[in-house]
């Protein structure tokens, strides 16, 4: 079981567009750095930095096949988080009918900004 701090750190680590793309590709299967170079349009050293960060937080790991490092997912929550991020929510949650403590008041419907 992850502590609150570990859950927050995990969200911080994956909260980057490049890392999200890397993780989405890894949900499809094992990938090498050259596979990521084909679609990420960033340098190989930059890709390696992202992979290293994900590996240091035990989100992914790799094995060596000849000269290639082959990366794969190890954290089972990642596919669930990625699916959740893709979900489309058409509306906001409804406001409360009244205060749950005093049982008075009513949510006006819109907040002033």
C-alpha atoms as a PDB file:
ATOM      1  CA  UNK A   1       0.000   0.000   0.000  1.00  0.00           C
ATOM      2  CA  UNK A   2       1.369   3.406  -0.979  1.00  0.00           C
ATOM      3  CA  UNK A   3       1.505   6.224   1.519  1.00  0.00           C
ATOM      4  CA  UNK A   4      -0.122   9.531   0.642  1.00  0.00           C
ATOM      5  CA  UNK A   5       3.317  10.971  -0.064  1.00  0.00           C
ATOM      6  CA  UNK A   6       4.167   8.111  -2.430  1.00  0.00           C
ATOM      7  CA  UNK A   7       0.880   8.560  -4.302  1.00  0.00           C
ATOM      8  CA  UNK A   8       1.546  12.281  -4.679  1.00  0.00           C
ATOM      9  CA  UNK A   9       5.087  11.617  -5.933  1.00  0.00           C
ATOM     10  CA  UNK A  10       3.779   9.098  -8.469  1.00  0.00           C
ATOM     11  CA  UNK A  11       1.342  11.672  -9.847  1.00  0.00           C
ATOM     12  CA  UNK A  12       4.118  14.275 -10.041  1.00  0.00           C
ATOM     13  CA  UNK A  13       6.397  11.855 -11.895  1.00  0.00           C
ATOM     14  CA  UNK A  14       3.870  10.939 -14.560  1.00  0.00           C
ATOM     15  CA  UNK A  15       2.477  14.498 -14.911  1.00  0.00           C
ATOM     16  CA  UNK A  16       4.462  15.417 -18.016  1.00  0.00           C
ATOM     17  CA  UNK A  17       3.244  15.160 -21.633  1.00  0.00           C
ATOM     18  CA  UNK A  18       6.298  13.189 -22.791  1.00  0.00           C
ATOM     19  CA  UNK A  19       6.104  10.735 -19.896  1.00  0.00           C
ATOM     20  CA  UNK A  20       2.369  10.233 -20.482  1.00  0.00           C
ATOM     21  CA  UNK A  21       3.127   9.394 -24.130  1.00  0.00           C
ATOM     22  CA  UNK A  22       5.889   7.000 -23.090  1.00  0.00           C
ATOM     23  CA  UNK A  23       3.604   5.250 -20.619  1.00  0.00           C
ATOM     24  CA  UNK A  24       0.773   5.016 -23.152  1.00  0.00           C
ATOM     25  CA  UNK A  25       3.150   3.280 -25.560  1.00  0.00           C
ATOM     26  CA  UNK A  26       4.371   0.925 -22.848  1.00  0.00           C
ATOM     27  CA  UNK A  27       0.783  -0.170 -22.135  1.00  0.00           C
ATOM     28  CA  UNK A  28       0.915  -1.651 -25.659  1.00  0.00           C
ATOM     29  CA  UNK A  29       4.056  -3.662 -24.876  1.00  0.00           C
ATOM     30  CA  UNK A  30       7.844  -3.586 -24.580  1.00  0.00           C
ATOM     31  CA  UNK A  31       9.598  -0.686 -26.336  1.00  0.00           C
ATOM     32  CA  UNK A  32      13.204   0.337 -26.946  1.00  0.00           C
ATOM     33  CA  UNK A  33      14.535   3.899 -26.997  1.00  0.00           C
ATOM     34  CA  UNK A  34      14.582   3.844 -30.797  1.00  0.00           C
ATOM     35  CA  UNK A  35      10.839   3.048 -30.775  1.00  0.00           C
ATOM     36  CA  UNK A  36      10.214   6.214 -28.750  1.00  0.00           C
ATOM     37  CA  UNK A  37      12.428   8.296 -31.066  1.00  0.00           C
ATOM     38  CA  UNK A  38      10.112   7.476 -33.957  1.00  0.00           C
ATOM     39  CA  UNK A  39       7.111   9.336 -32.539  1.00  0.00           C
ATOM     40  CA  UNK A  40       8.273  11.649 -29.734  1.00  0.00           C
ATOM     41  CA  UNK A  41      10.337  14.075 -31.865  1.00  0.00           C
ATOM     42  CA  UNK A  42      12.801  14.754 -29.034  1.00  0.00           C
ATOM     43  CA  UNK A  43      16.442  13.776 -28.716  1.00  0.00           C
ATOM     44  CA  UNK A  44      17.555  10.347 -27.548  1.00  0.00           C
ATOM     45  CA  UNK A  45      19.273  11.802 -24.446  1.00  0.00           C
ATOM     46  CA  UNK A  46      16.035  13.587 -23.511  1.00  0.00           C
ATOM     47  CA  UNK A  47      14.051  10.357 -23.932  1.00  0.00           C
ATOM     48  CA  UNK A  48      16.598   8.556 -21.768  1.00  0.00           C
ATOM     49  CA  UNK A  49      16.181  11.171 -19.027  1.00  0.00           C
ATOM     50  CA  UNK A  50      12.413  10.615 -18.963  1.00  0.00           C
ATOM     51  CA  UNK A  51      12.877   6.844 -18.929  1.00  0.00           C
ATOM     52  CA  UNK A  52      15.426   7.112 -16.133  1.00  0.00           C
ATOM     53  CA  UNK A  53      13.064   9.165 -13.987  1.00  0.00           C
ATOM     54  CA  UNK A  54      10.219   6.678 -14.532  1.00  0.00           C
ATOM     55  CA  UNK A  55      12.574   3.825 -13.705  1.00  0.00           C
ATOM     56  CA  UNK A  56      13.884   5.499 -10.534  1.00  0.00           C
ATOM     57  CA  UNK A  57      10.294   5.729  -9.279  1.00  0.00           C
ATOM     58  CA  UNK A  58       9.730   2.049 -10.162  1.00  0.00           C
ATOM     59  CA  UNK A  59       7.051   2.828 -12.721  1.00  0.00           C
ATOM     60  CA  UNK A  60       8.969   1.030 -15.470  1.00  0.00           C
ATOM     61  CA  UNK A  61      11.987  -1.258 -15.780  1.00  0.00           C
ATOM     62  CA  UNK A  62      14.099  -2.656 -18.604  1.00  0.00           C
ATOM     63  CA  UNK A  63      16.072  -5.653 -19.720  1.00  0.00           C
ATOM     64  CA  UNK A  64      19.059  -5.693 -22.056  1.00  0.00           C
ATOM     65  CA  UNK A  65      18.835  -7.461 -25.409  1.00  0.00           C
ATOM     66  CA  UNK A  66      22.205  -7.175 -27.112  1.00  0.00           C
ATOM     67  CA  UNK A  67      22.840  -3.443 -27.329  1.00  0.00           C
ATOM     68  CA  UNK A  68      19.203  -2.497 -26.744  1.00  0.00           C
ATOM     69  CA  UNK A  69      17.457  -1.579 -23.520  1.00  0.00           C
ATOM     70  CA  UNK A  70      13.900  -2.830 -23.712  1.00  0.00           C
ATOM     71  CA  UNK A  71      11.501  -0.974 -21.399  1.00  0.00           C
ATOM     72  CA  UNK A  72       8.260  -2.257 -19.914  1.00  0.00           C
ATOM     73  CA  UNK A  73       5.694  -1.215 -17.294  1.00  0.00           C
ATOM     74  CA  UNK A  74       5.974  -2.617 -13.786  1.00  0.00           C
ATOM     75  CA  UNK A  75       3.529  -0.440 -11.803  1.00  0.00           C
ATOM     76  CA  UNK A  76       0.044  -1.944 -12.194  1.00  0.00           C
ATOM     77  CA  UNK A  77      -1.754   1.341 -11.481  1.00  0.00           C
ATOM     78  CA  UNK A  78      -0.421   3.066 -14.619  1.00  0.00           C
ATOM     79  CA  UNK A  79      -2.873   1.572 -17.169  1.00  0.00           C
ATOM     80  CA  UNK A  80      -5.771   2.485 -14.854  1.00  0.00           C
ATOM     81  CA  UNK A  81      -4.528   6.063 -14.420  1.00  0.00           C
ATOM     82  CA  UNK A  82      -4.057   6.489 -18.165  1.00  0.00           C
ATOM     83  CA  UNK A  83      -7.570   5.214 -18.876  1.00  0.00           C
ATOM     84  CA  UNK A  84      -8.986   7.568 -16.271  1.00  0.00           C
ATOM     85  CA  UNK A  85      -7.193  10.520 -17.891  1.00  0.00           C
ATOM     86  CA  UNK A  86      -8.718   9.634 -21.270  1.00  0.00           C
ATOM     87  CA  UNK A  87     -12.254   9.557 -19.899  1.00  0.00           C
ATOM     88  CA  UNK A  88     -14.626  12.283 -21.038  1.00  0.00           C
ATOM     89  CA  UNK A  89     -16.859  13.799 -18.394  1.00  0.00           C
ATOM     90  CA  UNK A  90     -19.683  15.759 -20.000  1.00  0.00           C
ATOM     91  CA  UNK A  91     -20.761  17.766 -16.959  1.00  0.00           C
ATOM     92  CA  UNK A  92     -19.786  18.882 -13.483  1.00  0.00           C
ATOM     93  CA  UNK A  93     -21.074  17.165 -10.359  1.00  0.00           C
ATOM     94  CA  UNK A  94     -24.286  18.718  -9.008  1.00  0.00           C
ATOM     95  CA  UNK A  95     -24.032  21.207  -6.150  1.00  0.00           C
ATOM     96  CA  UNK A  96     -25.272  20.307  -2.681  1.00  0.00           C
ATOM     97  CA  UNK A  97     -28.893  20.833  -1.705  1.00  0.00           C
ATOM     98  CA  UNK A  98     -27.913  22.400   1.610  1.00  0.00           C
ATOM     99  CA  UNK A  99     -25.221  22.404   4.269  1.00  0.00           C
ATOM    100  CA  UNK A 100     -24.888  18.844   5.640  1.00  0.00           C
ATOM    101  CA  UNK A 101     -24.301  20.183   9.177  1.00  0.00           C
ATOM    102  CA  UNK A 102     -26.875  22.950   9.608  1.00  0.00           C
ATOM    103  CA  UNK A 103     -29.335  21.619   7.008  1.00  0.00           C
ATOM    104  CA  UNK A 104     -29.811  25.257   5.936  1.00  0.00           C
ATOM    105  CA  UNK A 105     -28.805  27.274   2.951  1.00  0.00           C
ATOM    106  CA  UNK A 106     -28.874  26.317  -0.683  1.00  0.00           C
ATOM    107  CA  UNK A 107     -26.172  26.182  -3.326  1.00  0.00           C
ATOM    108  CA  UNK A 108     -26.935  29.069  -5.697  1.00  0.00           C
ATOM    109  CA  UNK A 109     -25.851  27.170  -8.815  1.00  0.00           C
ATOM    110  CA  UNK A 110     -23.001  29.354  -9.988  1.00  0.00           C
ATOM    111  CA  UNK A 111     -20.104  30.918  -8.195  1.00  0.00           C
ATOM    112  CA  UNK A 112     -18.991  34.446  -8.922  1.00  0.00           C
ATOM    113  CA  UNK A 113     -15.502  34.601 -10.363  1.00  0.00           C
END
